[in-house]
């Protein structure tokens, strides 16, 4: 942990030593590198008292560019976290780079082929699931304000996506086939149980934006008594821009936790974002997660009774982002979860170190 904190502090100290931009090529080809260190201090309060941790502290890099007019690439690496060893190894098992049920140091690595209104990407990429929550980079967000699905789903998977946009670029459709987060290796449980198939619609129509998706997720093949069914997950993300305000209303057909990522039930999210200037951003967010599961109870006379149980979690909070200079963000956030019975407060800073290399 001390090595991790020293690495983050050293990165911030050395930031002024690096140039931020270089000349881009006139034909638009080139490579852009972004290095993002984030340093947080979290305080968690519950019935057991208070505890402190580095929270969402991290070190990322994003390398992307255009190789030709029709071929581009993207490489996103998660180098450090508050538990850096977990990004590289699973205790007792070794390296976890090809584990699909764990997050590791390689978030994304894919090529994109563009032809007219269509594009085809192949490699490791974000699953098209989760609406607007998954549309932002992980380093920008506050876990205490995110849903259980976002916090527990291993959403970076291997596969490919075919996408289409209309000429005005305000409507997009995509079909994606990736490995399943329920498997332990990419497609280890076969092309059906070991995979995820997603259909997504993205739109921008005046002040309204949407990300709607429908996904089939493969389940583990090694289930007692046979294979588990393929769960269907629907996500409806909606945004309304009203002046300096952005209103968000999202719904998922499942709920998620560390014990059960896709529980029957539902997730409802509402948010308000206020950006009065380029320097300030205020976020207010709340959500309700409902999970329904079945339980078999043995009766005294030897019979069995099949019953349902329901769990519910209310969570929410607020965040303030301040940009005193270009590329530097200072932030404060606080959130509460009724399921955990915990209030979390965060103070931190984040910096974007940008390099653009033309060809």
Protein backbone atom coordinates (compact mmCIF):
# COMPACT_ATOMS: atom_id res chain seq x y z
CA UNK A 1 0.00 0.00 0.00
CA UNK A 2 2.86 2.41 0.80
CA UNK A 3 4.44 1.72 -2.60
CA UNK A 4 1.12 2.49 -4.28
CA UNK A 5 0.69 5.82 -2.47
CA UNK A 6 4.29 6.81 -3.21
CA UNK A 7 3.78 6.04 -6.91
CA UNK A 8 0.68 8.26 -7.08
CA UNK A 9 2.36 11.11 -5.15
CA UNK A 10 5.46 10.89 -7.37
CA UNK A 11 3.30 11.09 -10.48
CA UNK A 12 1.64 14.29 -9.28
CA UNK A 13 5.00 15.84 -8.32
CA UNK A 14 6.45 15.11 -11.77
CA UNK A 15 3.44 16.35 -13.76
CA UNK A 16 4.90 19.82 -14.51
CA UNK A 17 7.99 18.17 -16.03
CA UNK A 18 6.03 16.73 -18.99
CA UNK A 19 4.86 18.57 -22.11
CA UNK A 20 1.11 18.32 -22.57
CA UNK A 21 0.73 18.51 -26.35
CA UNK A 22 2.70 18.01 -29.53
CA UNK A 23 1.92 18.70 -33.16
CA UNK A 24 -0.72 16.47 -34.76
CA UNK A 25 -0.45 15.32 -38.33
CA UNK A 26 -2.42 17.29 -40.90
CA UNK A 27 -4.08 14.15 -42.28
CA UNK A 28 -5.56 13.31 -38.86
CA UNK A 29 -3.49 10.18 -38.35
CA UNK A 30 -1.54 9.80 -35.17
CA UNK A 31 -1.54 8.53 -31.61
CA UNK A 32 -2.92 10.09 -28.43
CA UNK A 33 -1.68 8.98 -25.01
CA UNK A 34 -3.47 9.95 -21.79
CA UNK A 35 -2.07 9.08 -18.37
CA UNK A 36 -4.56 9.49 -15.52
CA UNK A 37 -3.42 9.33 -11.88
CA UNK A 38 -6.10 9.69 -9.22
CA UNK A 39 -5.46 10.01 -5.49
CA UNK A 40 -8.37 9.68 -3.04
CA UNK A 41 -8.88 9.51 0.69
CA UNK A 42 -12.05 7.69 1.75
CA UNK A 43 -13.66 7.68 5.17
CA UNK A 44 -16.36 5.07 5.83
CA UNK A 45 -18.72 5.32 8.79
CA UNK A 46 -21.00 2.57 10.10
CA UNK A 47 -22.06 0.98 13.40
CA UNK A 48 -18.54 -0.43 13.85
CA UNK A 49 -16.98 3.03 13.73
CA UNK A 50 -14.86 4.79 11.13
CA UNK A 51 -12.26 3.42 8.72
CA UNK A 52 -9.99 5.07 6.16
CA UNK A 53 -8.69 3.85 2.80
CA UNK A 54 -7.31 5.07 -0.57
CA UNK A 55 -10.79 4.50 -2.03
CA UNK A 56 -10.86 4.84 -5.83
CA UNK A 57 -7.19 5.85 -6.10
CA UNK A 58 -5.79 4.54 -9.36
CA UNK A 59 -3.37 4.94 -12.23
CA UNK A 60 -4.63 4.44 -15.79
CA UNK A 61 -3.29 4.95 -19.27
CA UNK A 62 -5.27 5.29 -22.50
CA UNK A 63 -3.47 4.90 -25.83
CA UNK A 64 -5.53 5.34 -28.99
CA UNK A 65 -5.04 6.45 -32.54
CA UNK A 66 -5.64 6.06 -36.27
CA UNK A 67 -3.36 3.67 -38.12
CA UNK A 68 -4.99 4.41 -41.50
CA UNK A 69 -8.12 6.25 -42.62
CA UNK A 70 -10.14 3.10 -41.98
CA UNK A 71 -8.27 1.39 -39.12
CA UNK A 72 -7.93 2.62 -35.52
CA UNK A 73 -6.96 1.11 -32.17
CA UNK A 74 -7.57 1.61 -28.45
CA UNK A 75 -5.56 0.32 -25.48
CA UNK A 76 -6.63 1.08 -21.90
CA UNK A 77 -4.54 -0.15 -18.96
CA UNK A 78 -5.40 -0.13 -15.25
CA UNK A 79 -1.93 -0.10 -13.67
CA UNK A 80 -2.70 0.64 -10.01
CA UNK A 81 -5.70 0.54 -7.69
CA UNK A 82 -6.26 0.59 -3.93
CA UNK A 83 -5.52 -3.18 -4.09
CA UNK A 84 -2.87 -3.29 -6.84
CA UNK A 85 -1.93 -6.95 -6.42
CA UNK A 86 -5.49 -8.00 -7.37
CA UNK A 87 -5.04 -6.48 -10.83
CA UNK A 88 -2.23 -8.91 -11.66
CA UNK A 89 -2.66 -12.13 -9.71
CA UNK A 90 -5.29 -14.24 -7.99
CA UNK A 91 -3.96 -15.63 -4.74
CA UNK A 92 -3.20 -19.31 -5.15
CA UNK A 93 -3.94 -19.27 -8.90
CA UNK A 94 -1.40 -16.95 -10.53
CA UNK A 95 -1.81 -14.36 -13.29
CA UNK A 96 -5.38 -13.34 -14.02
CA UNK A 97 -5.02 -11.57 -17.39
CA UNK A 98 -7.31 -14.06 -19.16
CA UNK A 99 -9.83 -14.43 -16.34
CA UNK A 100 -13.26 -13.17 -17.43
CA UNK A 101 -14.78 -13.10 -13.94
CA UNK A 102 -12.10 -10.75 -12.54
CA UNK A 103 -11.03 -7.22 -13.40
CA UNK A 104 -7.33 -7.03 -14.25
CA UNK A 105 -4.72 -4.57 -15.50
CA UNK A 106 -5.89 -4.79 -19.13
CA UNK A 107 -9.27 -3.10 -19.52
CA UNK A 108 -9.44 -2.68 -23.29
CA UNK A 109 -7.33 -3.68 -26.30
CA UNK A 110 -9.13 -3.68 -29.63
CA UNK A 111 -8.95 -2.69 -33.29
CA UNK A 112 -11.76 -0.90 -35.14
CA UNK A 113 -12.34 -1.19 -38.88
CA UNK A 114 -14.45 1.63 -40.36
CA UNK A 115 -16.29 1.29 -43.67
CA UNK A 116 -18.88 3.91 -44.50
CA UNK A 117 -21.60 4.08 -41.87
CA UNK A 118 -20.43 0.78 -40.36
CA UNK A 119 -17.60 -0.16 -38.00
CA UNK A 120 -16.33 -3.51 -36.76
CA UNK A 121 -14.25 -3.78 -33.58
CA UNK A 122 -12.47 -6.86 -32.26
CA UNK A 123 -10.50 -7.49 -29.07
CA UNK A 124 -11.09 -6.81 -25.40
CA UNK A 125 -13.76 -4.14 -24.93
CA UNK A 126 -16.51 -2.83 -22.69
CA UNK A 127 -19.71 -4.87 -22.75
CA UNK A 128 -22.64 -2.88 -24.13
CA UNK A 129 -24.57 -3.10 -20.90
CA UNK A 130 -25.26 -0.69 -18.07
CA UNK A 131 -26.55 2.39 -19.94
CA UNK A 132 -24.89 5.72 -19.04
CA UNK A 133 -23.06 4.36 -15.99
CA UNK A 134 -20.77 2.36 -18.26
CA UNK A 135 -20.44 5.18 -20.79
CA UNK A 136 -17.91 7.08 -18.67
CA UNK A 137 -14.36 6.09 -17.85
CA UNK A 138 -14.00 4.29 -14.52
CA UNK A 139 -11.46 6.78 -13.20
CA UNK A 140 -13.99 9.63 -13.45
CA UNK A 141 -16.64 8.06 -11.22
CA UNK A 142 -17.32 7.62 -7.51
CA UNK A 143 -18.14 3.99 -6.51
CA UNK A 144 -20.37 5.10 -3.60
CA UNK A 145 -22.72 6.74 -6.13
CA UNK A 146 -22.82 3.78 -8.53
CA UNK A 147 -25.18 0.82 -8.75
CA UNK A 148 -24.40 -2.70 -7.57
CA UNK A 149 -24.12 -3.83 -11.19
CA UNK A 150 -21.42 -1.26 -11.93
CA UNK A 151 -19.50 -2.07 -8.75
CA UNK A 152 -19.52 -5.86 -9.17
CA UNK A 153 -19.77 -6.75 -12.86
CA UNK A 154 -16.58 -7.70 -14.72
CA UNK A 155 -17.61 -5.63 -17.76
CA UNK A 156 -14.45 -5.79 -19.89
CA UNK A 157 -14.64 -8.89 -22.09
CA UNK A 158 -13.11 -10.38 -25.25
CA UNK A 159 -15.16 -10.32 -28.44
CA UNK A 160 -16.37 -8.16 -31.30
CA UNK A 161 -18.97 -5.51 -32.13
CA UNK A 162 -20.66 -4.50 -35.37
CA UNK A 163 -21.98 -0.92 -35.20
CA UNK A 164 -23.90 1.39 -37.54
CA UNK A 165 -24.57 5.15 -37.50
CA UNK A 166 -26.85 7.13 -39.76
CA UNK A 167 -25.50 10.01 -41.87
CA UNK A 168 -26.42 12.64 -39.29
CA UNK A 169 -24.73 10.52 -36.56
CA UNK A 170 -27.59 10.98 -34.11
CA UNK A 171 -28.72 7.34 -34.23
CA UNK A 172 -26.52 4.30 -33.67
CA UNK A 173 -27.19 0.58 -33.47
CA UNK A 174 -24.75 -2.15 -32.50
CA UNK A 175 -24.61 -5.91 -32.08
CA UNK A 176 -21.91 -7.28 -29.80
CA UNK A 177 -20.72 -10.82 -29.06
CA UNK A 178 -18.27 -11.25 -26.17
CA UNK A 179 -17.13 -13.73 -23.56
CA UNK A 180 -19.31 -14.11 -20.48
CA UNK A 181 -18.46 -12.67 -17.04
CA UNK A 182 -19.84 -15.93 -15.59
CA UNK A 183 -17.06 -18.03 -17.16
CA UNK A 184 -13.53 -18.24 -15.81
CA UNK A 185 -11.81 -18.05 -19.21
CA UNK A 186 -12.99 -16.52 -22.52
CA UNK A 187 -15.64 -18.86 -23.97
CA UNK A 188 -14.50 -21.65 -21.63
CA UNK A 189 -18.12 -22.84 -21.29
CA UNK A 190 -18.74 -22.95 -25.02
CA UNK A 191 -20.01 -20.50 -27.65
CA UNK A 192 -23.44 -20.13 -25.96
CA UNK A 193 -23.04 -20.52 -22.19
CA UNK A 194 -19.62 -18.89 -22.34
CA UNK A 195 -20.77 -15.80 -24.22
CA UNK A 196 -22.81 -12.59 -24.06
CA UNK A 197 -24.90 -11.25 -26.94
CA UNK A 198 -26.01 -7.60 -26.76
CA UNK A 199 -28.08 -5.29 -28.93
CA UNK A 200 -27.81 -1.55 -28.27
CA UNK A 201 -29.51 1.63 -29.51
CA UNK A 202 -27.91 5.03 -28.92
CA UNK A 203 -29.63 8.26 -29.86
CA UNK A 204 -29.24 12.03 -29.61
CA UNK A 205 -32.44 13.87 -30.45
CA UNK A 206 -32.34 17.51 -29.45
CA UNK A 207 -32.18 17.73 -25.63
CA UNK A 208 -32.82 13.97 -25.25
CA UNK A 209 -30.19 11.21 -25.31
CA UNK A 210 -30.64 7.50 -24.78
CA UNK A 211 -28.65 4.29 -24.39
CA UNK A 212 -30.96 1.27 -24.48
CA UNK A 213 -29.64 -2.28 -24.56
CA UNK A 214 -30.84 -5.86 -24.36
CA UNK A 215 -28.40 -8.67 -23.50
CA UNK A 216 -28.30 -12.43 -23.12
CA UNK A 217 -25.56 -13.49 -20.73
CA UNK A 218 -24.15 -16.99 -20.66
CA UNK A 219 -24.12 -18.74 -17.30
CA UNK A 220 -21.65 -21.20 -15.81
CA UNK A 221 -21.87 -24.64 -17.41
CA UNK A 222 -20.82 -26.46 -14.25
CA UNK A 223 -24.08 -26.15 -12.32
CA UNK A 224 -25.39 -28.96 -10.15
CA UNK A 225 -28.14 -30.78 -12.04
CA UNK A 226 -27.47 -29.10 -15.40
CA UNK A 227 -26.76 -25.74 -16.97
CA UNK A 228 -28.25 -22.52 -15.72
CA UNK A 229 -30.52 -20.58 -18.11
CA UNK A 230 -29.25 -17.58 -20.02
CA UNK A 231 -30.34 -14.48 -18.13
CA UNK A 232 -31.87 -11.61 -20.09
CA UNK A 233 -30.81 -8.12 -19.02
CA UNK A 234 -32.54 -4.95 -20.23
CA UNK A 235 -31.03 -1.50 -19.60
CA UNK A 236 -32.80 1.77 -20.41
CA UNK A 237 -30.65 4.86 -19.96
CA UNK A 238 -32.14 8.32 -20.54
CA UNK A 239 -30.68 11.84 -20.35
CA UNK A 240 -32.39 15.22 -20.74
CA UNK A 241 -30.34 18.40 -21.17
CA UNK A 242 -32.08 21.49 -19.80
CA UNK A 243 -29.80 24.52 -19.91
CA UNK A 244 -26.93 23.92 -17.47
CA UNK A 245 -28.73 20.89 -16.02
CA UNK A 246 -28.71 17.25 -17.11
CA UNK A 247 -31.46 15.00 -15.77
CA UNK A 248 -30.93 11.23 -15.78
CA UNK A 249 -33.42 8.38 -15.42
CA UNK A 250 -32.15 4.79 -15.79
CA UNK A 251 -33.70 1.38 -15.26
CA UNK A 252 -32.13 -2.10 -15.29
CA UNK A 253 -34.13 -5.33 -15.21
CA UNK A 254 -31.63 -6.86 -12.72
CA UNK A 255 -29.86 -5.83 -9.56
CA UNK A 256 -26.32 -6.63 -8.52
CA UNK A 257 -24.25 -7.31 -5.44
CA UNK A 258 -21.01 -9.08 -4.58
CA UNK A 259 -22.98 -12.28 -3.84
CA UNK A 260 -25.25 -12.23 -6.92
CA UNK A 261 -24.38 -10.01 -9.88
CA UNK A 262 -27.62 -10.47 -11.84
CA UNK A 263 -30.42 -10.96 -9.34
CA UNK A 264 -34.06 -10.94 -10.40
CA UNK A 265 -35.66 -7.65 -9.45
CA UNK A 266 -34.63 -4.28 -10.81
CA UNK A 267 -32.52 -1.16 -10.43
CA UNK A 268 -33.83 2.41 -10.67
CA UNK A 269 -31.44 5.37 -10.89
CA UNK A 270 -32.14 9.12 -10.93
CA UNK A 271 -29.55 11.87 -11.19
CA UNK A 272 -29.21 15.63 -11.60
CA UNK A 273 -26.01 17.21 -12.89
CA UNK A 274 -25.42 20.97 -12.83
CA UNK A 275 -22.50 22.50 -14.76
CA UNK A 276 -22.69 26.32 -14.45
CA UNK A 277 -19.19 26.77 -15.90
CA UNK A 278 -16.18 24.84 -17.17
CA UNK A 279 -14.70 24.97 -13.66
CA UNK A 280 -17.59 23.57 -11.61
CA UNK A 281 -19.72 20.44 -11.81
CA UNK A 282 -22.30 19.32 -9.22
CA UNK A 283 -23.90 15.86 -9.16
CA UNK A 284 -26.82 14.54 -7.11
CA UNK A 285 -27.74 10.86 -7.54
CA UNK A 286 -29.99 8.28 -5.92
CA UNK A 287 -31.02 4.72 -6.63
CA UNK A 288 -33.16 1.81 -5.51
CA UNK A 289 -32.11 -1.80 -6.02
CA UNK A 290 -34.55 -4.66 -5.51
CA UNK A 291 -33.50 -8.31 -5.59
CA UNK A 292 -35.81 -11.33 -5.54
CA UNK A 293 -34.50 -14.83 -4.96
CA UNK A 294 -36.02 -18.22 -4.25
CA UNK A 295 -35.53 -20.39 -1.20
CA UNK A 296 -36.49 -24.01 -0.52
CA UNK A 297 -37.63 -24.60 3.06
CA UNK A 298 -37.95 -28.06 4.69
CA UNK A 299 -41.28 -28.54 6.47
CA UNK A 300 -41.55 -30.54 9.74
CA UNK A 301 -43.59 -33.34 8.11
CA UNK A 302 -40.85 -33.90 5.55
CA UNK A 303 -42.29 -31.84 2.69
CA UNK A 304 -40.62 -28.96 0.88
CA UNK A 305 -41.90 -25.41 0.45
CA UNK A 306 -40.74 -23.09 -2.32
CA UNK A 307 -40.84 -19.44 -1.31
CA UNK A 308 -39.51 -16.09 -2.48
CA UNK A 309 -37.47 -13.55 -0.58
CA UNK A 310 -36.95 -9.91 -1.46
CA UNK A 311 -34.10 -7.61 -0.56
CA UNK A 312 -33.94 -3.87 -1.09
CA UNK A 313 -31.17 -1.29 -1.10
CA UNK A 314 -31.48 2.48 -1.16
CA UNK A 315 -28.34 4.36 -2.05
CA UNK A 316 -27.39 7.86 -3.11
CA UNK A 317 -25.24 10.88 -2.53
CA UNK A 318 -23.62 13.92 -4.06
CA UNK A 319 -20.34 14.97 -5.65
CA UNK A 320 -18.62 18.27 -6.44
CA UNK A 321 -15.93 18.60 -9.13
CA UNK A 322 -13.70 21.68 -9.39
CA UNK A 323 -11.21 22.31 -12.22
CA UNK A 324 -8.81 25.05 -11.02
CA UNK A 325 -6.53 24.62 -14.05
CA UNK A 326 -6.74 22.69 -17.29
CA UNK A 327 -6.63 18.89 -16.85
CA UNK A 328 -6.72 18.99 -13.03
CA UNK A 329 -9.86 17.98 -11.13
CA UNK A 330 -10.39 18.35 -7.40
CA UNK A 331 -13.39 16.42 -6.10
CA UNK A 332 -15.42 15.70 -3.01
CA UNK A 333 -18.19 13.12 -2.75
CA UNK A 334 -20.38 11.46 -0.14
CA UNK A 335 -22.75 8.52 -0.44
CA UNK A 336 -24.89 6.19 1.67
CA UNK A 337 -26.00 2.58 1.16
CA UNK A 338 -28.81 1.12 3.28
CA UNK A 339 -27.71 -2.43 2.42
CA UNK A 340 -24.22 -1.82 3.75
CA UNK A 341 -25.40 0.61 6.41
CA UNK A 342 -22.38 2.73 5.52
CA UNK A 343 -21.78 6.40 4.75
CA UNK A 344 -18.69 7.08 2.65
CA UNK A 345 -16.99 10.48 2.26
CA UNK A 346 -14.27 11.10 -0.34
CA UNK A 347 -11.71 13.83 -0.99
CA UNK A 348 -9.36 13.56 -3.93
CA UNK A 349 -7.75 14.85 -7.08
CA UNK A 350 -7.34 13.60 -10.63
CA UNK A 351 -5.05 14.74 -13.45
CA UNK A 352 -5.07 14.18 -17.21
CA UNK A 353 -1.59 14.06 -18.72
CA UNK A 354 -2.06 14.26 -22.51
CA UNK A 355 0.35 13.57 -25.35
CA UNK A 356 -0.59 13.79 -29.04
CA UNK A 357 1.90 12.38 -31.53
CA UNK A 358 1.27 13.10 -35.20
CA UNK A 359 2.60 11.10 -38.09
